[in-house]
N, C-alpha and C. Protein backbone atom coordinates (compact mmCIF):
# COMPACT_ATOMS: atom_id res chain seq x y z
N MET A 1 -74.30 12.61 -1.73
CA MET A 1 -73.13 12.02 -1.08
C MET A 1 -72.64 12.97 0.01
N LYS A 2 -72.44 12.42 1.20
CA LYS A 2 -72.05 13.24 2.33
C LYS A 2 -70.57 13.08 2.60
N ILE A 3 -69.85 14.18 2.65
CA ILE A 3 -68.41 14.16 2.89
C ILE A 3 -68.15 14.59 4.32
N GLY A 4 -67.45 13.73 5.07
CA GLY A 4 -67.16 14.04 6.47
C GLY A 4 -66.06 15.08 6.58
N ARG A 5 -66.15 15.84 7.64
CA ARG A 5 -65.13 16.86 7.87
C ARG A 5 -64.03 16.29 8.76
N ARG A 6 -62.77 16.56 8.41
CA ARG A 6 -61.64 16.18 9.27
C ARG A 6 -61.45 17.26 10.31
N PRO A 7 -61.21 16.90 11.53
CA PRO A 7 -60.99 17.90 12.57
C PRO A 7 -59.79 18.77 12.22
N LEU A 8 -59.92 20.08 12.50
CA LEU A 8 -58.85 21.02 12.19
C LEU A 8 -57.55 20.64 12.87
N GLY A 9 -57.63 20.17 14.09
CA GLY A 9 -56.42 19.78 14.82
C GLY A 9 -55.67 18.66 14.12
N LEU A 10 -56.42 17.70 13.57
CA LEU A 10 -55.78 16.57 12.88
C LEU A 10 -55.10 17.04 11.61
N VAL A 11 -55.75 17.97 10.90
CA VAL A 11 -55.16 18.50 9.67
C VAL A 11 -53.86 19.23 9.97
N LEU A 12 -53.87 20.06 11.03
CA LEU A 12 -52.67 20.80 11.39
C LEU A 12 -51.55 19.87 11.85
N ALA A 13 -51.92 18.84 12.60
CA ALA A 13 -50.92 17.88 13.07
C ALA A 13 -50.28 17.15 11.89
N SER A 14 -51.10 16.76 10.92
CA SER A 14 -50.56 16.06 9.75
C SER A 14 -49.62 16.96 8.97
N ALA A 15 -49.99 18.22 8.82
CA ALA A 15 -49.13 19.15 8.10
C ALA A 15 -47.82 19.35 8.83
N SER A 16 -47.88 19.39 10.16
CA SER A 16 -46.66 19.56 10.94
C SER A 16 -45.72 18.39 10.76
N VAL A 17 -46.29 17.17 10.73
CA VAL A 17 -45.47 15.98 10.54
C VAL A 17 -44.77 16.03 9.20
N VAL A 18 -45.52 16.41 8.15
CA VAL A 18 -44.93 16.50 6.82
C VAL A 18 -43.83 17.54 6.79
N LEU A 19 -44.08 18.70 7.43
CA LEU A 19 -43.08 19.77 7.45
C LEU A 19 -41.84 19.36 8.21
N LEU A 20 -42.03 18.70 9.35
CA LEU A 20 -40.88 18.24 10.14
C LEU A 20 -40.07 17.20 9.38
N ALA A 21 -40.78 16.31 8.67
CA ALA A 21 -40.08 15.28 7.90
C ALA A 21 -39.24 15.91 6.80
N ALA A 22 -39.82 16.94 6.15
CA ALA A 22 -39.07 17.61 5.09
C ALA A 22 -37.85 18.31 5.64
N CYS A 23 -38.03 18.98 6.80
CA CYS A 23 -36.89 19.67 7.40
C CYS A 23 -35.83 18.69 7.85
N SER A 24 -36.29 17.56 8.41
CA SER A 24 -35.33 16.57 8.90
C SER A 24 -34.50 16.00 7.78
N SER A 25 -35.15 15.74 6.61
CA SER A 25 -34.42 15.15 5.50
C SER A 25 -33.41 16.12 4.91
N SER A 26 -33.75 17.42 4.93
CA SER A 26 -32.84 18.39 4.34
C SER A 26 -31.73 18.81 5.29
N ASP A 27 -32.04 18.78 6.61
CA ASP A 27 -31.06 19.23 7.60
C ASP A 27 -30.20 18.11 8.15
N ALA A 28 -30.52 16.87 7.79
CA ALA A 28 -29.79 15.74 8.36
C ALA A 28 -28.33 15.77 7.94
N GLU A 29 -27.47 15.29 8.84
CA GLU A 29 -26.04 15.19 8.53
C GLU A 29 -25.84 14.18 7.41
N PRO A 30 -24.98 14.46 6.44
CA PRO A 30 -24.73 13.48 5.37
C PRO A 30 -24.10 12.21 5.93
N ALA A 31 -24.48 11.09 5.35
CA ALA A 31 -23.93 9.82 5.81
C ALA A 31 -22.43 9.78 5.51
N PRO A 32 -21.64 9.19 6.40
CA PRO A 32 -20.20 9.10 6.15
C PRO A 32 -19.92 8.28 4.89
N ALA A 33 -18.90 8.67 4.18
CA ALA A 33 -18.53 7.95 2.95
C ALA A 33 -18.15 6.52 3.27
N ALA A 34 -18.59 5.61 2.43
CA ALA A 34 -18.26 4.20 2.63
C ALA A 34 -16.77 4.00 2.42
N PHE A 35 -16.19 3.11 3.19
CA PHE A 35 -14.78 2.80 3.01
C PHE A 35 -14.56 1.32 3.23
N THR A 36 -13.50 0.80 2.66
CA THR A 36 -13.13 -0.59 2.89
C THR A 36 -11.94 -0.70 3.82
N ALA A 37 -11.02 0.27 3.73
CA ALA A 37 -9.86 0.28 4.62
C ALA A 37 -9.41 1.72 4.79
N ARG A 38 -8.93 2.03 5.99
CA ARG A 38 -8.50 3.39 6.28
C ARG A 38 -7.23 3.35 7.13
N PRO A 39 -6.12 3.92 6.65
CA PRO A 39 -4.90 3.91 7.45
C PRO A 39 -4.99 4.89 8.61
N VAL A 40 -4.29 4.57 9.68
CA VAL A 40 -4.20 5.47 10.83
C VAL A 40 -2.88 6.24 10.68
N LEU A 41 -2.99 7.54 10.48
CA LEU A 41 -1.83 8.39 10.24
C LEU A 41 -1.86 9.58 11.18
N ALA A 42 -0.70 10.03 11.59
CA ALA A 42 -0.62 11.22 12.43
C ALA A 42 -1.24 12.41 11.70
N ALA A 43 -2.02 13.21 12.42
CA ALA A 43 -2.79 14.28 11.80
C ALA A 43 -1.92 15.30 11.07
N ASP A 44 -0.74 15.56 11.57
CA ASP A 44 0.12 16.59 10.98
C ASP A 44 1.22 16.02 10.09
N ALA A 45 1.19 14.72 9.83
CA ALA A 45 2.26 14.10 9.04
C ALA A 45 2.07 14.40 7.56
N GLU A 46 3.12 14.90 6.93
CA GLU A 46 3.06 15.20 5.50
C GLU A 46 3.60 14.07 4.64
N ASN A 47 4.59 13.35 5.14
CA ASN A 47 5.22 12.32 4.32
C ASN A 47 5.69 11.14 5.18
N PRO A 48 4.76 10.51 5.91
CA PRO A 48 5.15 9.36 6.72
C PRO A 48 5.51 8.17 5.85
N MET A 49 6.38 7.31 6.35
CA MET A 49 6.77 6.13 5.59
C MET A 49 5.72 5.03 5.68
N ILE A 50 5.15 4.84 6.86
CA ILE A 50 4.18 3.77 7.09
C ILE A 50 3.04 4.31 7.94
N ALA A 51 1.95 3.55 7.99
CA ALA A 51 0.82 3.89 8.85
C ALA A 51 1.08 3.37 10.26
N GLU A 52 0.41 3.98 11.23
CA GLU A 52 0.48 3.48 12.60
C GLU A 52 -0.39 2.23 12.77
N GLY A 53 -1.32 2.07 11.88
CA GLY A 53 -2.23 0.92 11.89
C GLY A 53 -3.21 1.10 10.75
N VAL A 54 -4.19 0.22 10.67
CA VAL A 54 -5.19 0.32 9.61
C VAL A 54 -6.53 -0.22 10.12
N THR A 55 -7.61 0.46 9.76
CA THR A 55 -8.96 0.01 10.07
C THR A 55 -9.55 -0.60 8.81
N ILE A 56 -10.12 -1.80 8.95
CA ILE A 56 -10.68 -2.51 7.80
C ILE A 56 -12.17 -2.75 8.04
N ALA A 57 -13.00 -2.41 7.07
CA ALA A 57 -14.44 -2.59 7.19
C ALA A 57 -14.78 -4.08 7.32
N LYS A 58 -15.84 -4.36 8.07
CA LYS A 58 -16.17 -5.76 8.37
C LYS A 58 -16.58 -6.55 7.13
N ASP A 59 -17.10 -5.86 6.11
CA ASP A 59 -17.55 -6.58 4.91
C ASP A 59 -16.59 -6.41 3.74
N ALA A 60 -15.36 -5.99 4.01
CA ALA A 60 -14.38 -5.79 2.93
C ALA A 60 -13.85 -7.12 2.42
N TYR A 61 -13.52 -7.16 1.14
CA TYR A 61 -12.85 -8.32 0.56
C TYR A 61 -11.35 -8.17 0.78
N PHE A 62 -10.75 -9.19 1.36
CA PHE A 62 -9.38 -9.13 1.85
C PHE A 62 -8.53 -10.12 1.06
N TYR A 63 -7.34 -9.71 0.63
CA TYR A 63 -6.43 -10.59 -0.11
C TYR A 63 -5.09 -10.65 0.60
N LYS A 64 -4.56 -11.84 0.79
CA LYS A 64 -3.25 -12.04 1.39
C LYS A 64 -2.33 -12.71 0.38
N SER A 65 -1.20 -12.11 0.11
CA SER A 65 -0.23 -12.75 -0.78
C SER A 65 0.61 -13.75 0.00
N SER A 66 1.24 -14.62 -0.72
CA SER A 66 2.29 -15.45 -0.12
C SER A 66 3.56 -14.60 0.00
N GLY A 67 4.52 -15.11 0.72
CA GLY A 67 5.81 -14.42 0.78
C GLY A 67 6.50 -14.51 -0.57
N LEU A 68 6.92 -13.38 -1.08
CA LEU A 68 7.59 -13.32 -2.39
C LEU A 68 8.94 -12.64 -2.24
N GLY A 69 9.92 -13.22 -2.88
CA GLY A 69 11.25 -12.61 -2.93
C GLY A 69 11.56 -12.21 -4.35
N PRO A 70 12.77 -11.81 -4.62
CA PRO A 70 13.16 -11.39 -5.97
C PRO A 70 13.23 -12.59 -6.92
N GLU A 71 13.04 -12.29 -8.19
CA GLU A 71 13.15 -13.32 -9.24
C GLU A 71 14.59 -13.38 -9.74
N ALA A 72 15.06 -14.60 -10.02
CA ALA A 72 16.42 -14.76 -10.55
C ALA A 72 16.45 -14.28 -12.00
N LEU A 73 17.03 -13.13 -12.23
CA LEU A 73 17.02 -12.49 -13.55
C LEU A 73 18.41 -12.21 -14.10
N ASN A 74 19.44 -12.59 -13.36
CA ASN A 74 20.81 -12.29 -13.78
C ASN A 74 21.55 -13.60 -14.04
N ASP A 75 21.49 -14.06 -15.28
CA ASP A 75 22.11 -15.34 -15.63
C ASP A 75 23.63 -15.30 -15.56
N ALA A 76 24.20 -14.12 -15.57
CA ALA A 76 25.66 -14.02 -15.54
C ALA A 76 26.23 -14.29 -14.15
N ALA A 77 25.40 -14.20 -13.13
CA ALA A 77 25.87 -14.41 -11.75
C ALA A 77 25.71 -15.87 -11.37
N PRO A 78 26.50 -16.38 -10.45
CA PRO A 78 26.37 -17.77 -10.00
C PRO A 78 24.97 -18.04 -9.46
N GLU A 79 24.43 -19.19 -9.80
CA GLU A 79 23.10 -19.56 -9.32
C GLU A 79 23.08 -19.58 -7.79
N GLY A 80 22.02 -19.01 -7.23
CA GLY A 80 21.88 -18.99 -5.78
C GLY A 80 22.67 -17.91 -5.08
N SER A 81 23.34 -17.06 -5.83
CA SER A 81 24.07 -15.95 -5.22
C SER A 81 23.14 -14.75 -5.11
N PRO A 82 23.38 -13.83 -4.18
CA PRO A 82 22.55 -12.63 -4.11
C PRO A 82 22.53 -11.85 -5.43
N GLU A 83 23.64 -11.86 -6.14
CA GLU A 83 23.73 -11.11 -7.40
C GLU A 83 22.84 -11.71 -8.49
N SER A 84 22.50 -12.98 -8.38
CA SER A 84 21.66 -13.61 -9.41
C SER A 84 20.23 -13.06 -9.38
N PHE A 85 19.89 -12.33 -8.32
CA PHE A 85 18.54 -11.76 -8.18
C PHE A 85 18.51 -10.27 -8.50
N ILE A 86 19.52 -9.79 -9.20
CA ILE A 86 19.52 -8.41 -9.70
C ILE A 86 18.79 -8.39 -11.04
N ASP A 87 17.86 -7.48 -11.20
CA ASP A 87 17.13 -7.33 -12.45
C ASP A 87 18.03 -6.62 -13.47
N THR A 88 18.43 -7.35 -14.50
CA THR A 88 19.36 -6.78 -15.48
C THR A 88 18.67 -5.77 -16.41
N ASP A 89 17.35 -5.73 -16.42
CA ASP A 89 16.67 -4.66 -17.16
C ASP A 89 16.82 -3.32 -16.43
N ALA A 90 16.91 -3.39 -15.12
CA ALA A 90 17.09 -2.17 -14.33
C ALA A 90 18.56 -1.81 -14.17
N PHE A 91 19.41 -2.84 -14.10
CA PHE A 91 20.84 -2.65 -13.88
C PHE A 91 21.59 -3.48 -14.93
N ALA A 92 22.05 -2.81 -15.96
CA ALA A 92 22.68 -3.49 -17.09
C ALA A 92 23.81 -4.40 -16.64
N ASP A 93 23.77 -5.63 -17.15
CA ASP A 93 24.79 -6.64 -16.84
C ASP A 93 24.86 -6.97 -15.35
N GLY A 94 23.82 -6.59 -14.60
CA GLY A 94 23.81 -6.88 -13.17
C GLY A 94 24.75 -6.02 -12.36
N ALA A 95 25.26 -4.95 -12.95
CA ALA A 95 26.21 -4.08 -12.26
C ALA A 95 25.45 -3.01 -11.48
N LEU A 96 25.68 -2.95 -10.19
CA LEU A 96 25.04 -1.95 -9.34
C LEU A 96 25.89 -0.69 -9.31
N THR A 97 25.32 0.40 -9.76
CA THR A 97 26.05 1.68 -9.80
C THR A 97 25.30 2.71 -8.97
N GLY A 98 25.92 3.85 -8.79
CA GLY A 98 25.26 4.95 -8.10
C GLY A 98 24.97 4.68 -6.64
N GLY A 99 25.74 3.79 -6.03
CA GLY A 99 25.55 3.53 -4.61
C GLY A 99 24.39 2.63 -4.28
N VAL A 100 23.78 2.00 -5.29
CA VAL A 100 22.68 1.06 -5.03
C VAL A 100 23.25 -0.19 -4.38
N THR A 101 22.63 -0.65 -3.30
CA THR A 101 23.11 -1.83 -2.60
C THR A 101 22.41 -3.08 -3.12
N ILE A 102 22.96 -4.23 -2.81
CA ILE A 102 22.37 -5.49 -3.26
C ILE A 102 20.99 -5.70 -2.63
N THR A 103 20.82 -5.32 -1.37
CA THR A 103 19.50 -5.43 -0.74
C THR A 103 18.50 -4.49 -1.40
N GLU A 104 18.94 -3.30 -1.72
CA GLU A 104 18.08 -2.33 -2.42
C GLU A 104 17.64 -2.89 -3.77
N ALA A 105 18.58 -3.45 -4.53
CA ALA A 105 18.25 -4.01 -5.84
C ALA A 105 17.29 -5.18 -5.70
N GLN A 106 17.54 -6.06 -4.73
CA GLN A 106 16.62 -7.18 -4.52
C GLN A 106 15.25 -6.69 -4.06
N GLY A 107 15.22 -5.63 -3.25
CA GLY A 107 13.95 -5.07 -2.82
C GLY A 107 13.12 -4.56 -3.99
N LEU A 108 13.76 -3.88 -4.93
CA LEU A 108 13.07 -3.40 -6.12
C LEU A 108 12.50 -4.57 -6.91
N ASN A 109 13.28 -5.62 -7.06
CA ASN A 109 12.87 -6.82 -7.79
C ASN A 109 11.68 -7.47 -7.10
N ALA A 110 11.76 -7.63 -5.78
CA ALA A 110 10.68 -8.28 -5.04
C ALA A 110 9.40 -7.45 -5.07
N LEU A 111 9.52 -6.14 -4.97
CA LEU A 111 8.33 -5.29 -5.02
C LEU A 111 7.67 -5.33 -6.39
N ALA A 112 8.46 -5.46 -7.44
CA ALA A 112 7.88 -5.61 -8.78
C ALA A 112 7.08 -6.91 -8.86
N ARG A 113 7.56 -7.96 -8.19
CA ARG A 113 6.81 -9.22 -8.16
C ARG A 113 5.52 -9.08 -7.35
N ILE A 114 5.57 -8.34 -6.26
CA ILE A 114 4.36 -8.08 -5.49
C ILE A 114 3.33 -7.34 -6.35
N LYS A 115 3.80 -6.35 -7.09
CA LYS A 115 2.91 -5.59 -7.98
C LYS A 115 2.23 -6.53 -8.98
N ALA A 116 3.01 -7.40 -9.62
CA ALA A 116 2.45 -8.33 -10.60
C ALA A 116 1.47 -9.30 -9.95
N ASN A 117 1.78 -9.76 -8.76
CA ASN A 117 0.90 -10.67 -8.04
C ASN A 117 -0.45 -10.02 -7.76
N LEU A 118 -0.43 -8.77 -7.33
CA LEU A 118 -1.67 -8.05 -7.05
C LEU A 118 -2.48 -7.82 -8.32
N GLU A 119 -1.81 -7.45 -9.39
CA GLU A 119 -2.51 -7.16 -10.63
C GLU A 119 -3.22 -8.40 -11.17
N GLN A 120 -2.68 -9.57 -10.91
CA GLN A 120 -3.36 -10.81 -11.32
C GLN A 120 -4.69 -11.00 -10.60
N GLN A 121 -4.85 -10.34 -9.46
CA GLN A 121 -6.08 -10.43 -8.68
C GLN A 121 -6.97 -9.20 -8.85
N GLY A 122 -6.64 -8.35 -9.81
CA GLY A 122 -7.42 -7.14 -10.02
C GLY A 122 -7.14 -6.05 -9.00
N LEU A 123 -5.99 -6.11 -8.36
CA LEU A 123 -5.61 -5.14 -7.33
C LEU A 123 -4.39 -4.34 -7.78
N SER A 124 -4.04 -3.35 -7.00
CA SER A 124 -2.85 -2.55 -7.29
C SER A 124 -2.08 -2.31 -6.00
N LEU A 125 -0.91 -1.74 -6.11
CA LEU A 125 -0.12 -1.42 -4.92
C LEU A 125 -0.85 -0.43 -4.02
N ALA A 126 -1.70 0.40 -4.59
CA ALA A 126 -2.46 1.37 -3.80
C ALA A 126 -3.46 0.69 -2.87
N ASP A 127 -3.77 -0.57 -3.13
CA ASP A 127 -4.74 -1.31 -2.30
C ASP A 127 -4.09 -2.03 -1.13
N VAL A 128 -2.78 -1.97 -1.03
CA VAL A 128 -2.06 -2.67 0.05
C VAL A 128 -2.31 -1.94 1.37
N VAL A 129 -2.67 -2.71 2.41
CA VAL A 129 -2.95 -2.11 3.72
C VAL A 129 -1.95 -2.54 4.79
N SER A 130 -1.27 -3.65 4.57
CA SER A 130 -0.25 -4.07 5.53
C SER A 130 0.83 -4.87 4.81
N MET A 131 2.01 -4.90 5.41
CA MET A 131 3.18 -5.51 4.77
C MET A 131 4.10 -6.07 5.84
N ARG A 132 4.64 -7.25 5.54
CA ARG A 132 5.64 -7.86 6.40
C ARG A 132 6.89 -8.13 5.57
N VAL A 133 8.03 -7.69 6.08
CA VAL A 133 9.28 -7.75 5.32
C VAL A 133 10.33 -8.48 6.15
N PHE A 134 10.97 -9.46 5.52
CA PHE A 134 12.04 -10.22 6.17
C PHE A 134 13.34 -9.97 5.41
N LEU A 135 14.36 -9.59 6.14
CA LEU A 135 15.64 -9.23 5.53
C LEU A 135 16.76 -10.11 6.08
N ASP A 136 17.63 -10.55 5.19
CA ASP A 136 18.86 -11.24 5.59
C ASP A 136 20.02 -10.28 5.32
N ASN A 137 21.06 -10.38 6.12
CA ASN A 137 22.20 -9.49 5.88
C ASN A 137 23.00 -9.98 4.67
N ALA A 138 23.50 -9.05 3.90
CA ALA A 138 24.29 -9.38 2.72
C ALA A 138 25.62 -10.00 3.14
N PRO A 139 26.19 -10.86 2.29
CA PRO A 139 27.49 -11.45 2.62
C PRO A 139 28.52 -10.37 2.96
N GLY A 140 29.29 -10.62 4.01
CA GLY A 140 30.32 -9.67 4.41
C GLY A 140 29.82 -8.57 5.32
N THR A 141 28.53 -8.60 5.66
CA THR A 141 27.98 -7.61 6.59
C THR A 141 27.41 -8.33 7.80
N ASP A 142 27.24 -7.59 8.90
CA ASP A 142 26.74 -8.21 10.12
C ASP A 142 25.36 -7.72 10.50
N ARG A 143 24.72 -6.98 9.59
CA ARG A 143 23.39 -6.44 9.89
C ARG A 143 22.61 -6.26 8.59
N ALA A 144 21.30 -6.47 8.65
CA ALA A 144 20.47 -6.26 7.47
C ALA A 144 20.53 -4.80 7.02
N ASP A 145 20.40 -4.60 5.73
CA ASP A 145 20.50 -3.27 5.14
C ASP A 145 19.11 -2.61 5.12
N TYR A 146 18.71 -2.08 6.27
CA TYR A 146 17.39 -1.44 6.36
C TYR A 146 17.31 -0.19 5.51
N ALA A 147 18.39 0.57 5.44
CA ALA A 147 18.38 1.80 4.64
C ALA A 147 18.16 1.49 3.16
N GLY A 148 18.87 0.48 2.66
CA GLY A 148 18.69 0.09 1.27
C GLY A 148 17.28 -0.40 1.00
N TRP A 149 16.73 -1.19 1.92
CA TRP A 149 15.36 -1.66 1.76
C TRP A 149 14.38 -0.49 1.74
N ASN A 150 14.55 0.46 2.64
CA ASN A 150 13.62 1.58 2.70
C ASN A 150 13.68 2.44 1.44
N ARG A 151 14.85 2.55 0.83
CA ARG A 151 14.93 3.29 -0.44
C ARG A 151 14.14 2.55 -1.52
N ALA A 152 14.26 1.23 -1.56
CA ALA A 152 13.48 0.46 -2.53
C ALA A 152 11.99 0.61 -2.28
N TYR A 153 11.59 0.55 -1.03
CA TYR A 153 10.18 0.68 -0.64
C TYR A 153 9.59 2.00 -1.11
N ARG A 154 10.34 3.08 -0.92
CA ARG A 154 9.84 4.40 -1.30
C ARG A 154 9.70 4.56 -2.81
N GLN A 155 10.33 3.70 -3.58
CA GLN A 155 10.14 3.74 -5.03
C GLN A 155 8.75 3.27 -5.43
N TYR A 156 8.08 2.52 -4.55
CA TYR A 156 6.78 1.94 -4.86
C TYR A 156 5.67 2.35 -3.88
N PHE A 157 6.02 2.83 -2.72
CA PHE A 157 5.03 3.17 -1.69
C PHE A 157 5.39 4.51 -1.04
N ALA A 158 4.35 5.14 -0.47
CA ALA A 158 4.55 6.30 0.41
C ALA A 158 5.42 7.38 -0.23
N ASN A 159 5.07 7.76 -1.45
CA ASN A 159 5.89 8.76 -2.14
C ASN A 159 5.07 9.94 -2.66
N THR A 160 4.00 10.26 -1.93
CA THR A 160 3.26 11.49 -2.20
C THR A 160 3.14 12.29 -0.90
N ASN A 161 2.99 13.59 -1.03
CA ASN A 161 2.82 14.45 0.13
C ASN A 161 1.34 14.46 0.52
N LEU A 162 1.04 14.08 1.76
CA LEU A 162 -0.34 13.97 2.19
C LEU A 162 -1.04 15.32 2.31
N LYS A 163 -0.29 16.39 2.45
CA LYS A 163 -0.88 17.72 2.55
C LYS A 163 -1.17 18.31 1.18
N THR A 164 -0.23 18.20 0.27
CA THR A 164 -0.35 18.86 -1.03
C THR A 164 -0.76 17.92 -2.16
N GLY A 165 -0.54 16.62 -1.98
CA GLY A 165 -0.79 15.66 -3.05
C GLY A 165 0.34 15.56 -4.05
N ASP A 166 1.38 16.36 -3.88
CA ASP A 166 2.51 16.34 -4.81
C ASP A 166 3.32 15.06 -4.68
N THR A 167 3.95 14.66 -5.77
CA THR A 167 4.85 13.52 -5.74
C THR A 167 6.11 13.88 -4.97
N GLU A 168 6.52 13.00 -4.09
CA GLU A 168 7.77 13.19 -3.35
C GLU A 168 8.92 12.56 -4.15
N LEU A 169 9.99 13.28 -4.32
CA LEU A 169 11.16 12.74 -4.99
C LEU A 169 11.91 11.83 -4.02
N VAL A 170 12.41 10.73 -4.54
CA VAL A 170 13.08 9.74 -3.68
C VAL A 170 14.42 9.34 -4.30
N PRO A 171 15.41 9.02 -3.47
CA PRO A 171 16.72 8.66 -4.01
C PRO A 171 16.80 7.19 -4.37
N LEU A 172 17.65 6.87 -5.30
CA LEU A 172 18.04 5.50 -5.61
C LEU A 172 19.53 5.42 -5.31
N GLY A 173 19.91 4.57 -4.38
CA GLY A 173 21.29 4.53 -3.96
C GLY A 173 21.70 5.87 -3.36
N THR A 174 22.85 6.35 -3.79
CA THR A 174 23.33 7.65 -3.30
C THR A 174 23.03 8.77 -4.28
N GLY A 175 22.20 8.49 -5.28
CA GLY A 175 21.86 9.49 -6.28
C GLY A 175 20.94 10.57 -5.74
N ALA A 176 20.79 11.61 -6.52
CA ALA A 176 19.90 12.71 -6.14
C ALA A 176 18.45 12.24 -6.18
N PRO A 177 17.60 12.73 -5.30
CA PRO A 177 16.19 12.36 -5.32
C PRO A 177 15.57 12.64 -6.69
N ALA A 178 14.74 11.70 -7.14
CA ALA A 178 14.09 11.81 -8.44
C ALA A 178 12.70 11.20 -8.34
N ALA A 179 11.94 11.30 -9.43
CA ALA A 179 10.58 10.74 -9.43
C ALA A 179 10.63 9.24 -9.14
N PRO A 180 9.71 8.73 -8.34
CA PRO A 180 9.71 7.30 -8.01
C PRO A 180 9.32 6.44 -9.21
N LEU A 181 9.63 5.17 -9.12
CA LEU A 181 9.26 4.25 -10.19
C LEU A 181 7.75 4.15 -10.33
N GLU A 182 7.04 4.22 -9.22
CA GLU A 182 5.57 4.17 -9.25
C GLU A 182 5.02 5.13 -8.21
N ARG A 183 4.24 6.08 -8.66
CA ARG A 183 3.63 7.03 -7.72
C ARG A 183 2.53 6.31 -6.95
N ASN A 184 2.58 6.37 -5.64
CA ASN A 184 1.62 5.62 -4.82
C ASN A 184 1.48 6.30 -3.46
N PRO A 185 0.30 6.79 -3.13
CA PRO A 185 0.11 7.44 -1.83
C PRO A 185 -0.04 6.47 -0.66
N ALA A 186 -0.20 5.17 -0.94
CA ALA A 186 -0.51 4.20 0.12
C ALA A 186 0.60 4.14 1.17
N ARG A 187 0.18 4.17 2.42
CA ARG A 187 1.08 3.95 3.56
C ARG A 187 0.54 2.76 4.35
N PRO A 188 0.98 1.56 4.04
CA PRO A 188 0.49 0.40 4.79
C PRO A 188 1.10 0.34 6.18
N SER A 189 0.43 -0.36 7.08
CA SER A 189 1.11 -0.74 8.32
C SER A 189 2.18 -1.75 7.93
N ARG A 190 3.30 -1.76 8.64
CA ARG A 190 4.43 -2.57 8.15
C ARG A 190 5.38 -2.92 9.27
N PHE A 191 5.96 -4.12 9.17
CA PHE A 191 7.16 -4.38 9.96
C PHE A 191 8.24 -4.89 9.04
N ALA A 192 9.49 -4.65 9.41
CA ALA A 192 10.65 -5.17 8.69
C ALA A 192 11.64 -5.64 9.74
N LEU A 193 12.09 -6.87 9.61
CA LEU A 193 13.02 -7.40 10.60
C LEU A 193 14.04 -8.31 9.95
N GLU A 194 15.17 -8.44 10.61
CA GLU A 194 16.24 -9.30 10.14
C GLU A 194 16.01 -10.72 10.61
N VAL A 195 16.26 -11.67 9.71
CA VAL A 195 16.16 -13.09 10.05
C VAL A 195 17.50 -13.76 9.76
N ALA A 196 17.67 -14.95 10.33
CA ALA A 196 18.95 -15.65 10.16
C ALA A 196 19.16 -16.13 8.73
N SER A 197 18.07 -16.49 8.05
CA SER A 197 18.18 -16.93 6.66
C SER A 197 16.80 -16.90 6.04
N LEU A 198 16.76 -16.95 4.71
CA LEU A 198 15.51 -17.01 3.97
C LEU A 198 15.46 -18.30 3.17
N PRO A 199 14.27 -18.74 2.73
CA PRO A 199 14.13 -20.09 2.18
C PRO A 199 14.83 -20.34 0.85
N VAL A 200 15.07 -19.30 0.07
CA VAL A 200 15.71 -19.47 -1.23
C VAL A 200 17.15 -18.98 -1.13
N PRO A 201 18.13 -19.83 -1.46
CA PRO A 201 19.53 -19.40 -1.39
C PRO A 201 19.76 -18.13 -2.21
N GLY A 202 20.37 -17.15 -1.60
CA GLY A 202 20.66 -15.90 -2.28
C GLY A 202 19.66 -14.79 -2.00
N TRP A 203 18.47 -15.14 -1.52
CA TRP A 203 17.49 -14.10 -1.19
C TRP A 203 17.97 -13.30 0.01
N LEU A 204 17.83 -12.00 -0.09
CA LEU A 204 18.06 -11.11 1.05
C LEU A 204 16.77 -10.41 1.48
N VAL A 205 15.72 -10.55 0.67
CA VAL A 205 14.44 -9.87 0.91
C VAL A 205 13.29 -10.83 0.63
N GLU A 206 12.31 -10.87 1.52
CA GLU A 206 11.05 -11.57 1.27
C GLU A 206 9.93 -10.69 1.79
N ILE A 207 8.85 -10.57 1.00
CA ILE A 207 7.76 -9.65 1.31
C ILE A 207 6.43 -10.39 1.25
N GLU A 208 5.57 -10.07 2.19
CA GLU A 208 4.19 -10.55 2.18
C GLU A 208 3.29 -9.34 2.39
N VAL A 209 2.19 -9.25 1.63
CA VAL A 209 1.29 -8.10 1.78
C VAL A 209 -0.15 -8.55 1.95
N ASP A 210 -0.93 -7.67 2.55
CA ASP A 210 -2.38 -7.79 2.61
C ASP A 210 -2.96 -6.62 1.84
N ALA A 211 -3.99 -6.88 1.05
CA ALA A 211 -4.64 -5.83 0.28
C ALA A 211 -6.15 -5.95 0.46
N VAL A 212 -6.83 -4.84 0.32
CA VAL A 212 -8.29 -4.79 0.43
C VAL A 212 -8.85 -4.26 -0.88
N TYR A 213 -9.86 -4.97 -1.41
CA TYR A 213 -10.49 -4.53 -2.65
C TYR A 213 -11.23 -3.20 -2.44
N PRO A 214 -11.16 -2.29 -3.41
CA PRO A 214 -11.95 -1.06 -3.31
C PRO A 214 -13.44 -1.37 -3.25
N ALA A 215 -14.24 -0.40 -2.79
CA ALA A 215 -15.67 -0.63 -2.59
C ALA A 215 -16.39 -1.03 -3.87
N ASP A 216 -15.88 -0.60 -5.02
CA ASP A 216 -16.56 -0.90 -6.29
C ASP A 216 -16.00 -2.13 -6.99
N LYS A 217 -15.19 -2.93 -6.27
CA LYS A 217 -14.59 -4.13 -6.87
C LYS A 217 -14.84 -5.35 -6.00
N GLU A 218 -14.90 -6.51 -6.66
CA GLU A 218 -14.99 -7.78 -5.95
C GLU A 218 -13.99 -8.74 -6.56
N PRO A 219 -13.56 -9.75 -5.81
CA PRO A 219 -12.66 -10.76 -6.39
C PRO A 219 -13.34 -11.45 -7.57
N GLU A 220 -12.57 -11.74 -8.58
CA GLU A 220 -13.14 -12.42 -9.76
C GLU A 220 -13.30 -13.91 -9.50
C-alpha cells in the first residue's frame, strides 16, 4: 500500500489555521450579556427617581396593565369620597396620621393593586419599565399633590442606591425616613400629570404600567 506525502507547505498552513482559530476563540471579546430591558440613567446618579428612558429588546415579552386606581377599603367613609379609598389595614379606621396626605394614601393603595396585577402575570414591580400617572387635586386644593404621590412612589420604586446597592430610607408623610414598604431598584421611565377628573368618583390617583418579562421567563 502506497501512502502519498502531503506537501510540507500544506501541513504548515493547516497548523497555522488551527493555531489561529484557537487563539481567536480564546482572545475574542465576550459576548454582551443578554437583556430584555435596560433603563437609561445618568452615569453619576446614585438615587434617581425615574429613568430618562428605557431600551427594550426586540424579542422581549411586553405586558401593559390597564389603568388602576385605589381600591375602596374604608367602609366608614362615604361611598365615592376620597377617604373611602384609604386602606384601613395601613391606616387604622381610615385616619391619616403623621402628615400623610390623602393623595399619598391613595397612591400607596393604587401601587399595591399594581403589584397584585403584575404578580398575577408572573411579574414583579422590579420588571416595570415605564409608568403613567394621572392625578386629580384633592377637595379644597387647587393643585395635584405631586409631593404626596412621589412619597408613595418611593415606597415601592427607586429606593436603592445605584452605587452601593444599599436600601434608601424614605419618608411617609412628615415622618422620619425609614425602610420602604418594598425594596425595589427599578427606575421606570415615567410621567405624572394633573387631570380635571378621573373615571371613578373619589379617585385622586390612577396608574398604568408597562413591564417586560425577564430573559428566563415567558407569559403563561
